[in-house]
Amino acid sequence: MDIDINYLLLVLGSVTAFVFFIFLVYLADILYGFLIWLLAATLLGKEIFLLSIPGLPDIYLERIVFLFLIPVVLLMISREREALLPNTAVEYLMALLLLILVGSMWRTGFLTTRMGEDQPFSIFLTGFFFPFSFYYFGKLFLYKEERIRLLLWGLFPFYLYLIFIAYLEHFKVFELIVPGYISDPLKGIHFGRARGPFLNAPVNGWVMLTLFFSVLYLRNISESILAKTILFLALLFGLPPIFYTYTRAVWLAFLIAPIILMALTKDMIIRARFIMFPLILLILLSFFFWENLGSSERQAGGVMQISEVEDRIALFNISVAIFKEVPIFGVGFGRFISAIPYFAPGIAAPGATAFASQHNILFGILSEVGLLGAVPFVLILFFVFRYSQVLYRRLGEEGIISRNLVAVFWSILIVYLISASFIQTQYFIAANALTFLWVGMIVGLYQRQEEEPDLVEAV
């Protein structure tokens, strides 16, 4: 029997990588597995590796790494029995929402052959299944102080990379940008803005802000003068790249989230140095560059573009029309674009929203899955806020696991909610996973503090 040598090498290489990955992550720390996955999802996405098999979802490196993570998680659970927790309302609602989405796809189809549409099952994976999986990952393992510190330090290089690439994009130093597809104007959208490896400026801003607040907290809990200085400089140099996204949702999130953080933390290091300074700087820049801000030119920093507002109003009106027609079940998960021709006449100009997804996660769920999906989603957010509020009241103000951690989480959650109000977040797996990892950590800490307060300690 003839064996293709290339196929044999591929199988042997995969098995070797799988074994090496398990031993590396298991012997070191489970969080290294998440960081490797985040690296694959951020820098080694479909532009680097894509395996398409007819009739199946596309295979990316992050999906392969995710499969590698499953046995490691099971091994870690066997070693850390205290990691296991009973389910809360959040997990039950997540499971219910996943079942509802699968049922909707069962009714209307898991795949589509229409040009310009993403596969519903792929949206299901990137927007819900993988983020909810990493929610559970955060709940299981992020309860030790040293592991939370490890996570924050592990995210720091990603933050440095994104702000560095943002500077290169802004000043058009394309020769130094890695991966090279970021500087390809034919790839993705928003070329000319700081769009990063996501090829999308709002998502890049969403991730940068999430990492900004993570690094802010890392700076607050660090004890070394050298570490504090390096982290302070990183935060300082991270301010212009947020502006370079030229995205109003990102700017709005950066305005609101620090105010919330300042109101909820009594730590003067956070309040005086890292919150008031950016706000004062923002006010001064707005005063001196008001002429640019008042223009409709995005690259000049203008915020008066009207066409995007009109498009979102049209999409909202389409969602209203869909909801009136099918309020309970919607048009089918991942089928919003398909439904536009039937509901857009008289609402939007012909072709204006021909291939536009709903740029609001709640309106998108209402349109595609109806109240059947929207109610569990809203309840998930409600219980997350409720649990985090209880945790905030019960924690002290000292240590890594403190009220400041919850306050930073709320800032990150605000960034997510603002982003989800203006873009279709379901398409971006790394940003979703990073946010829901934080959500899982906070819910897990709440549950441990509720049942066994001694476990929420520096273990």
Protein backbone atom coordinates (compact mmCIF):
# COMPACT_ATOMS: atom_id res chain seq x y z
CA MET A 1 0.00 0.00 0.00
CA ASP A 2 1.43 3.39 -1.05
CA ILE A 3 1.43 6.09 1.60
CA ASP A 4 1.69 9.75 0.72
CA ILE A 5 4.82 10.97 2.53
CA ASN A 6 3.39 14.50 2.91
CA TYR A 7 0.27 13.11 4.56
CA LEU A 8 2.40 10.97 6.88
CA LEU A 9 4.56 13.95 7.86
CA LEU A 10 1.44 16.01 8.54
CA VAL A 11 -0.01 13.33 10.82
CA LEU A 12 3.29 12.79 12.67
CA GLY A 13 3.79 16.54 13.07
CA SER A 14 0.27 17.00 14.42
CA VAL A 15 0.64 14.16 16.93
CA THR A 16 4.03 15.49 18.07
CA ALA A 17 2.66 19.03 18.47
CA PHE A 18 -0.34 17.68 20.35
CA VAL A 19 1.77 15.70 22.84
CA PHE A 20 4.23 18.57 23.29
CA PHE A 21 1.40 21.04 23.86
CA ILE A 22 -0.26 18.88 26.53
CA PHE A 23 2.95 18.32 28.49
CA LEU A 24 4.05 21.95 28.20
CA VAL A 25 0.76 23.39 29.36
CA TYR A 26 0.05 20.73 31.98
CA LEU A 27 3.50 20.88 33.57
CA ALA A 28 3.70 24.69 33.48
CA ASP A 29 0.25 26.23 33.88
CA ILE A 30 -3.08 25.91 32.14
CA LEU A 31 -3.03 29.65 31.37
CA TYR A 32 -0.17 29.12 28.92
CA GLY A 33 -2.64 27.10 26.89
CA PHE A 34 -5.03 30.05 26.73
CA LEU A 35 -2.20 32.44 25.79
CA ILE A 36 -1.09 30.10 22.98
CA TRP A 37 -4.69 29.95 21.79
CA LEU A 38 -4.96 33.76 21.95
CA LEU A 39 -1.77 34.05 19.90
CA ALA A 40 -3.24 31.74 17.26
CA ALA A 41 -6.57 33.60 17.26
CA THR A 42 -4.93 37.04 17.06
CA LEU A 43 -1.96 36.62 14.73
CA LEU A 44 -2.39 33.26 13.05
CA GLY A 45 -5.96 33.44 11.82
CA LYS A 46 -7.48 32.60 8.46
CA GLU A 47 -5.08 34.91 6.64
CA ILE A 48 -2.22 32.65 7.76
CA PHE A 49 -3.81 29.19 7.85
CA LEU A 50 -7.16 28.10 6.48
CA LEU A 51 -8.31 24.59 5.67
CA SER A 52 -11.64 24.44 3.88
CA ILE A 53 -13.49 21.14 3.68
CA PRO A 54 -16.74 21.15 1.69
CA GLY A 55 -19.78 20.83 3.93
CA LEU A 56 -17.83 21.58 7.13
CA PRO A 57 -16.86 24.77 8.99
CA ASP A 58 -13.47 26.19 8.06
CA ILE A 59 -10.53 24.98 10.13
CA TYR A 60 -8.22 27.64 11.61
CA LEU A 61 -5.21 27.25 13.89
CA GLU A 62 -7.12 28.56 16.91
CA ARG A 63 -9.70 25.82 16.47
CA ILE A 64 -6.96 23.18 16.39
CA VAL A 65 -5.36 24.66 19.53
CA PHE A 66 -8.79 24.69 21.19
CA LEU A 67 -9.09 20.95 20.58
CA PHE A 68 -5.62 20.54 22.09
CA LEU A 69 -6.80 22.45 25.17
CA ILE A 70 -9.68 20.11 25.97
CA PRO A 71 -7.60 17.17 27.33
CA VAL A 72 -5.37 19.63 29.23
CA VAL A 73 -8.43 21.13 30.93
CA LEU A 74 -9.63 17.66 31.89
CA LEU A 75 -6.19 16.80 33.31
CA MET A 76 -6.10 20.04 35.28
CA ILE A 77 -9.57 19.42 36.70
CA SER A 78 -8.42 16.00 37.89
CA ARG A 79 -5.46 17.68 39.61
CA GLU A 80 -7.36 20.70 40.97
CA ARG A 81 -10.57 19.28 42.34
CA GLU A 82 -11.36 22.60 43.99
CA ALA A 83 -11.68 24.13 40.52
CA LEU A 84 -15.04 22.44 40.02
CA LEU A 85 -18.08 24.48 40.96
CA PRO A 86 -21.84 23.96 40.68
CA ASN A 87 -23.54 25.76 37.83
CA THR A 88 -25.08 29.19 38.36
CA ALA A 89 -27.91 30.84 36.48
CA VAL A 90 -25.34 32.21 34.01
CA GLU A 91 -24.18 28.75 32.89
CA TYR A 92 -27.74 27.44 32.59
CA LEU A 93 -28.72 30.47 30.51
CA MET A 94 -25.65 30.10 28.32
CA ALA A 95 -26.49 26.44 27.71
CA LEU A 96 -30.08 27.39 26.92
CA LEU A 97 -28.98 30.10 24.48
CA LEU A 98 -26.62 27.68 22.71
CA LEU A 99 -29.43 25.14 22.35
CA ILE A 100 -31.77 27.82 21.00
CA LEU A 101 -29.16 28.90 18.44
CA VAL A 102 -28.55 25.31 17.35
CA GLY A 103 -32.32 24.78 17.08
CA SER A 104 -32.62 27.91 14.95
CA MET A 105 -29.86 26.69 12.62
CA TRP A 106 -31.53 23.28 12.49
CA ARG A 107 -34.65 25.04 11.25
CA THR A 108 -33.03 27.42 8.73
CA GLY A 109 -29.69 25.75 7.96
CA PHE A 110 -26.20 25.55 9.43
CA LEU A 111 -24.53 26.67 6.21
CA THR A 112 -25.31 29.12 3.43
CA THR A 113 -24.32 29.30 -0.23
CA ARG A 114 -25.14 33.00 -0.68
CA MET A 115 -22.24 35.22 -1.65
CA GLY A 116 -21.29 37.82 0.95
CA GLU A 117 -22.63 35.86 3.91
CA ASP A 118 -20.68 34.13 6.66
CA GLN A 119 -21.68 30.59 7.56
CA PRO A 120 -24.18 30.61 10.46
CA PHE A 121 -22.36 27.76 12.19
CA SER A 122 -19.05 29.68 12.04
CA ILE A 123 -20.76 32.73 13.59
CA PHE A 124 -22.15 30.41 16.27
CA LEU A 125 -18.63 29.19 17.07
CA THR A 126 -16.88 32.58 17.11
CA GLY A 127 -19.67 34.56 18.75
CA PHE A 128 -21.07 32.15 21.31
CA PHE A 129 -19.58 28.67 21.65
CA PHE A 130 -15.91 29.61 22.00
CA PRO A 131 -16.53 32.72 24.17
CA PHE A 132 -18.82 30.73 26.47
CA SER A 133 -16.19 27.97 26.62
CA PHE A 134 -13.54 30.47 27.75
CA TYR A 135 -16.02 31.89 30.22
CA TYR A 136 -16.06 28.44 31.80
CA PHE A 137 -12.25 28.30 31.55
CA GLY A 138 -11.99 31.56 33.51
CA LYS A 139 -14.49 30.36 36.08
CA LEU A 140 -12.63 27.10 36.65
CA PHE A 141 -9.05 28.29 36.89
CA LEU A 142 -8.82 32.02 37.62
CA TYR A 143 -9.30 31.96 41.37
CA LYS A 144 -5.67 31.96 42.54
CA GLU A 145 -3.90 35.27 42.89
CA GLU A 146 -0.67 34.10 41.26
CA ARG A 147 -2.65 32.78 38.28
CA ILE A 148 -4.48 36.08 37.85
CA ARG A 149 -1.13 37.85 37.95
CA LEU A 150 0.22 35.40 35.37
CA LEU A 151 -2.75 36.14 33.11
CA LEU A 152 -2.18 39.89 33.32
CA TRP A 153 1.54 39.56 32.55
CA GLY A 154 0.72 37.16 29.72
CA LEU A 155 -1.64 39.73 28.17
CA PHE A 156 0.95 42.51 28.43
CA PRO A 157 2.94 41.46 25.29
CA PHE A 158 -0.31 41.41 23.29
CA TYR A 159 -1.00 44.97 24.43
CA LEU A 160 2.51 46.11 23.46
CA TYR A 161 2.16 44.45 20.07
CA LEU A 162 -1.18 46.10 19.27
CA ILE A 163 -0.07 49.61 20.21
CA PHE A 164 3.21 49.17 18.30
CA ILE A 165 1.37 48.03 15.17
CA ALA A 166 -1.08 50.93 15.58
CA TYR A 167 1.81 53.42 15.46
CA LEU A 168 3.23 51.72 12.37
CA GLU A 169 -0.16 51.82 10.66
CA HIS A 170 -0.73 55.45 11.53
CA PHE A 171 2.67 56.60 10.30
CA LYS A 172 2.50 54.19 7.33
CA VAL A 173 5.67 52.26 8.18
CA PHE A 174 4.26 49.20 6.43
CA GLU A 175 7.64 47.48 6.00
CA LEU A 176 7.84 46.68 9.72
CA ILE A 177 4.27 45.43 10.14
CA VAL A 178 3.98 41.73 10.96
CA PRO A 179 1.97 39.84 9.78
CA GLY A 180 2.17 41.51 6.38
CA TYR A 181 -1.53 41.12 5.59
CA ILE A 182 -2.30 43.99 8.00
CA SER A 183 -0.75 46.43 5.52
CA ASP A 184 -2.57 44.95 2.53
CA PRO A 185 -5.36 47.39 1.52
CA LEU A 186 -7.21 44.54 -0.20
CA LYS A 187 -7.58 42.63 3.06
CA GLY A 188 -10.38 43.39 5.50
CA ILE A 189 -11.73 46.90 6.00
CA HIS A 190 -10.71 50.25 7.53
CA PHE A 191 -7.33 50.44 5.81
CA GLY A 192 -5.64 53.67 6.85
CA ARG A 193 -6.88 53.39 10.43
CA ALA A 194 -5.35 51.39 13.30
CA ARG A 195 -7.10 48.10 12.51
CA GLY A 196 -4.42 45.68 13.71
CA PRO A 197 -4.42 41.94 13.00
CA PHE A 198 -8.23 41.93 13.18
CA LEU A 199 -8.42 44.05 10.00
CA ASN A 200 -11.17 46.02 11.73
CA ALA A 201 -10.59 49.30 13.57
CA PRO A 202 -13.49 49.09 16.08
CA VAL A 203 -12.50 45.56 17.10
CA ASN A 204 -8.86 46.56 17.38
CA GLY A 205 -9.91 49.41 19.66
CA TRP A 206 -12.14 47.08 21.67
CA VAL A 207 -9.23 44.69 22.32
CA MET A 208 -6.76 47.51 23.00
CA LEU A 209 -9.08 49.02 25.60
CA THR A 210 -9.65 45.63 27.24
CA LEU A 211 -5.89 45.14 27.45
CA PHE A 212 -5.36 48.75 28.55
CA PHE A 213 -7.50 48.23 31.66
CA SER A 214 -5.86 44.84 32.27
CA VAL A 215 -2.41 46.46 32.18
CA LEU A 216 -3.69 49.31 34.34
CA TYR A 217 -4.64 46.81 37.03
CA LEU A 218 -1.34 44.95 36.60
CA ARG A 219 0.47 48.20 37.25
CA ASN A 220 -1.63 48.77 40.35
CA ILE A 221 -0.79 45.39 41.89
CA SER A 222 2.89 45.36 40.92
CA GLU A 223 5.39 45.98 43.67
CA SER A 224 8.62 46.47 41.71
CA ILE A 225 9.53 50.06 40.91
CA LEU A 226 10.93 48.93 37.55
CA ALA A 227 7.74 47.07 36.67
CA LYS A 228 5.58 50.03 37.69
CA THR A 229 7.67 52.37 35.53
CA ILE A 230 7.56 50.11 32.47
CA LEU A 231 3.83 49.59 32.80
CA PHE A 232 3.23 53.32 33.30
CA LEU A 233 5.13 54.11 30.09
CA ALA A 234 3.23 51.39 28.24
CA LEU A 235 -0.09 52.88 29.36
CA LEU A 236 1.04 56.35 28.40
CA PHE A 237 2.16 55.28 24.92
CA GLY A 238 -1.06 53.32 24.54
CA LEU A 239 -3.23 56.46 24.52
CA PRO A 240 -2.55 57.72 20.95
CA PRO A 241 -3.25 54.30 19.31
CA ILE A 242 -6.75 54.39 20.83
CA PHE A 243 -7.30 57.65 18.96
CA TYR A 244 -5.71 56.21 15.79
CA THR A 245 -8.58 53.76 15.42
CA TYR A 246 -10.70 56.77 14.38
CA THR A 247 -13.74 54.99 15.77
CA ARG A 248 -16.39 56.84 17.76
CA ALA A 249 -17.45 53.74 19.69
CA VAL A 250 -13.87 53.25 20.88
CA TRP A 251 -13.55 56.89 21.89
CA LEU A 252 -16.89 56.77 23.70
CA ALA A 253 -15.87 53.62 25.59
CA PHE A 254 -12.57 55.24 26.58
CA LEU A 255 -14.49 58.23 27.89
CA ILE A 256 -17.11 56.33 29.91
CA ALA A 257 -15.15 53.33 31.26
CA PRO A 258 -12.49 55.39 33.12
CA ILE A 259 -15.19 57.52 34.74
CA ILE A 260 -16.86 54.38 36.08
CA LEU A 261 -13.52 53.06 37.27
CA MET A 262 -12.72 56.34 39.01
CA ALA A 263 -16.09 56.35 40.76
CA LEU A 264 -15.77 52.79 42.05
CA THR A 265 -12.18 52.57 43.24
CA LYS A 266 -10.66 54.35 46.19
CA ASP A 267 -7.16 53.64 44.99
CA MET A 268 -5.61 57.06 44.36
CA ILE A 269 -2.94 55.53 42.10
CA ILE A 270 -5.66 54.53 39.68
CA ARG A 271 -7.82 57.62 40.14
CA ALA A 272 -5.29 60.44 40.05
CA ARG A 273 -2.56 59.27 37.73
CA PHE A 274 -4.17 57.02 35.18
CA ILE A 275 -7.76 58.18 34.98
CA MET A 276 -7.76 61.95 35.42
CA PHE A 277 -4.73 62.44 33.19
CA PRO A 278 -6.30 60.86 30.06
CA LEU A 279 -9.58 62.67 30.67
CA ILE A 280 -7.88 66.05 31.05
CA LEU A 281 -5.74 65.28 28.00
CA LEU A 282 -8.85 64.36 26.03
CA ILE A 283 -10.58 67.62 26.96
CA LEU A 284 -7.52 69.68 25.98
CA LEU A 285 -7.12 67.87 22.68
CA SER A 286 -10.81 68.35 21.92
CA PHE A 287 -10.44 72.08 22.58
CA PHE A 288 -7.35 72.58 20.42
CA PHE A 289 -8.47 70.31 17.56
CA TRP A 290 -12.18 71.10 17.53
CA GLU A 291 -12.03 72.08 13.85
CA ASN A 292 -10.83 68.60 12.96
CA LEU A 293 -13.24 66.90 15.36
CA GLY A 294 -16.16 68.76 13.83
CA SER A 295 -15.29 67.63 10.31
CA SER A 296 -16.57 64.59 8.46
CA GLU A 297 -13.04 63.43 7.55
CA ARG A 298 -12.30 60.28 9.56
CA GLN A 299 -8.50 60.38 9.16
CA ALA A 300 -8.47 63.96 10.40
CA GLY A 301 -10.20 62.85 13.58
CA GLY A 302 -13.65 64.04 12.58
CA VAL A 303 -16.69 62.58 14.28
CA MET A 304 -19.41 64.11 12.10
CA GLN A 305 -19.80 61.34 9.53
CA ILE A 306 -23.50 61.02 8.85
CA SER A 307 -23.66 58.07 6.46
CA GLU A 308 -22.75 55.50 9.12
CA VAL A 309 -25.45 56.87 11.42
CA GLU A 310 -28.00 56.64 8.63
CA ASP A 311 -26.95 53.05 7.87
CA ARG A 312 -27.40 52.01 11.48
CA ILE A 313 -30.79 53.68 11.66
CA ALA A 314 -31.78 51.74 8.54
CA LEU A 315 -30.54 48.49 10.09
CA PHE A 316 -32.47 49.24 13.27
CA ASN A 317 -35.65 49.86 11.25
CA ILE A 318 -35.12 46.57 9.42
CA SER A 319 -34.80 44.79 12.78
CA VAL A 320 -38.04 46.43 13.93
CA ALA A 321 -39.80 45.24 10.77
CA ILE A 322 -38.46 41.71 11.28
CA PHE A 323 -39.47 41.68 14.94
CA LYS A 324 -43.01 42.76 14.08
CA GLU A 325 -43.25 39.89 11.59
CA VAL A 326 -41.55 37.07 13.56
CA PRO A 327 -41.13 38.23 17.20
CA ILE A 328 -40.67 34.82 18.82
CA PHE A 329 -38.36 32.85 16.50
CA GLY A 330 -36.81 35.49 14.22
CA VAL A 331 -35.69 34.86 10.66
CA GLY A 332 -33.10 32.26 11.66
CA PHE A 333 -29.66 32.52 13.22
CA GLY A 334 -27.13 34.00 10.80
CA ARG A 335 -29.88 34.92 8.33
CA PHE A 336 -30.16 38.68 8.84
CA ILE A 337 -28.46 39.50 5.54
CA SER A 338 -30.71 37.03 3.72
CA ALA A 339 -33.77 38.71 5.20
CA ILE A 340 -32.81 42.26 4.19
CA PRO A 341 -34.32 42.14 0.65
CA TYR A 342 -37.71 41.17 2.14
CA PHE A 343 -37.78 43.82 4.86
CA ALA A 344 -35.63 46.67 3.50
CA PRO A 345 -37.95 48.10 0.79
CA GLY A 346 -39.19 51.48 1.96
CA ILE A 347 -36.71 51.46 4.86
CA ALA A 348 -33.28 51.80 3.26
CA ALA A 349 -32.00 53.00 -0.09
CA PRO A 350 -31.58 50.16 -2.61
CA GLY A 351 -28.25 48.45 -2.03
CA ALA A 352 -27.40 50.56 1.01
CA THR A 353 -27.60 47.59 3.33
CA ALA A 354 -27.32 44.78 0.79
CA PHE A 355 -24.58 42.96 2.68
CA ALA A 356 -24.77 44.67 6.07
CA SER A 357 -25.00 42.64 9.22
CA GLN A 358 -26.89 44.12 12.15
CA HIS A 359 -24.37 46.32 13.97
CA ASN A 360 -25.93 45.77 17.38
CA ILE A 361 -25.78 42.43 19.13
CA LEU A 362 -29.16 42.68 20.87
CA PHE A 363 -31.00 43.84 17.75
CA GLY A 364 -29.20 41.13 15.80
CA ILE A 365 -30.33 38.40 18.19
CA LEU A 366 -33.88 39.79 18.21
CA SER A 367 -33.95 39.77 14.42
CA GLU A 368 -32.47 36.31 13.96
CA VAL A 369 -33.67 34.35 16.99
CA GLY A 370 -36.45 36.56 18.31
CA LEU A 371 -37.41 36.84 21.95
CA LEU A 372 -36.52 33.18 22.36
CA GLY A 373 -32.82 34.11 22.11
CA ALA A 374 -32.85 37.73 23.29
CA VAL A 375 -34.34 37.00 26.71
CA PRO A 376 -31.61 34.51 27.79
CA PHE A 377 -28.90 36.86 26.47
CA VAL A 378 -30.22 39.81 28.47
CA LEU A 379 -30.61 37.61 31.55
CA ILE A 380 -26.98 36.48 31.23
CA LEU A 381 -25.87 40.11 31.40
CA PHE A 382 -28.25 40.76 34.30
CA PHE A 383 -26.90 37.90 36.43
CA VAL A 384 -23.29 38.73 35.59
CA PHE A 385 -23.85 42.27 36.83
CA ARG A 386 -25.72 41.05 39.90
CA TYR A 387 -23.01 38.53 40.88
CA SER A 388 -20.22 41.05 40.31
CA GLN A 389 -22.06 43.64 42.40
CA VAL A 390 -22.35 41.21 45.31
CA LEU A 391 -18.68 40.26 44.94
CA TYR A 392 -17.66 43.93 44.94
CA ARG A 393 -19.49 44.56 48.23
CA ARG A 394 -17.96 41.54 49.94
CA LEU A 395 -14.33 41.92 48.90
CA GLY A 396 -11.81 44.11 50.65
CA GLU A 397 -9.65 46.82 49.14
CA GLU A 398 -6.29 45.07 49.49
CA GLY A 399 -4.65 42.32 47.46
CA ILE A 400 -5.08 41.14 43.89
CA ILE A 401 -8.58 39.77 44.44
CA SER A 402 -10.15 42.98 45.67
CA ARG A 403 -12.79 45.53 44.84
CA ASN A 404 -10.40 47.12 42.38
CA LEU A 405 -10.40 43.91 40.33
CA VAL A 406 -14.19 44.05 40.06
CA ALA A 407 -14.08 47.74 39.16
CA VAL A 408 -11.64 47.02 36.34
CA PHE A 409 -13.92 44.21 35.20
CA TRP A 410 -16.85 46.62 35.01
CA SER A 411 -14.75 48.92 32.85
CA ILE A 412 -13.98 46.02 30.52
CA LEU A 413 -17.66 45.04 30.47
CA ILE A 414 -18.64 48.62 29.55
CA VAL A 415 -16.15 48.52 26.67
CA TYR A 416 -17.78 45.28 25.48
CA LEU A 417 -21.32 46.62 25.76
CA ILE A 418 -20.50 49.83 23.89
CA SER A 419 -18.68 47.86 21.18
CA ALA A 420 -21.57 45.43 20.91
CA SER A 421 -23.94 48.37 20.45
CA PHE A 422 -22.18 49.55 17.30
CA ILE A 423 -20.57 46.51 15.66
CA GLN A 424 -21.46 42.87 15.10
CA THR A 425 -19.24 41.37 17.79
CA GLN A 426 -20.09 37.74 16.96
CA TYR A 427 -17.52 37.66 14.15
CA PHE A 428 -14.44 38.30 16.31
CA ILE A 429 -13.39 35.30 18.35
CA ALA A 430 -10.31 36.68 20.16
CA ALA A 431 -12.06 39.82 21.42
CA ASN A 432 -15.09 37.83 22.57
CA ALA A 433 -13.01 35.16 24.30
CA LEU A 434 -10.90 37.74 26.14
CA THR A 435 -14.00 39.52 27.44
CA PHE A 436 -15.79 36.36 28.53
CA LEU A 437 -12.65 35.03 30.21
CA TRP A 438 -12.94 38.04 32.53
CA VAL A 439 -16.65 37.38 32.99
CA GLY A 440 -15.98 33.77 33.97
CA MET A 441 -13.28 34.79 36.43
CA ILE A 442 -15.60 37.23 38.21
CA VAL A 443 -18.54 34.81 38.38
CA GLY A 444 -16.22 32.07 39.67
CA LEU A 445 -14.81 34.36 42.36
CA TYR A 446 -18.34 35.35 43.37
CA GLN A 447 -19.37 31.72 43.70
CA ARG A 448 -16.29 30.73 45.69
CA GLN A 449 -16.64 33.71 47.98
CA GLU A 450 -20.30 32.81 48.44
CA GLU A 451 -19.66 29.15 49.29
CA GLU A 452 -16.09 28.99 50.64
CA PRO A 453 -14.60 32.44 51.29
CA ASP A 454 -11.22 30.93 52.23
CA LEU A 455 -10.70 29.78 48.63
CA VAL A 456 -10.59 33.38 47.42
CA GLU A 457 -7.17 33.91 48.86
CA ALA A 458 -3.59 34.02 47.72
CA VAL A 459 -3.36 30.25 47.21
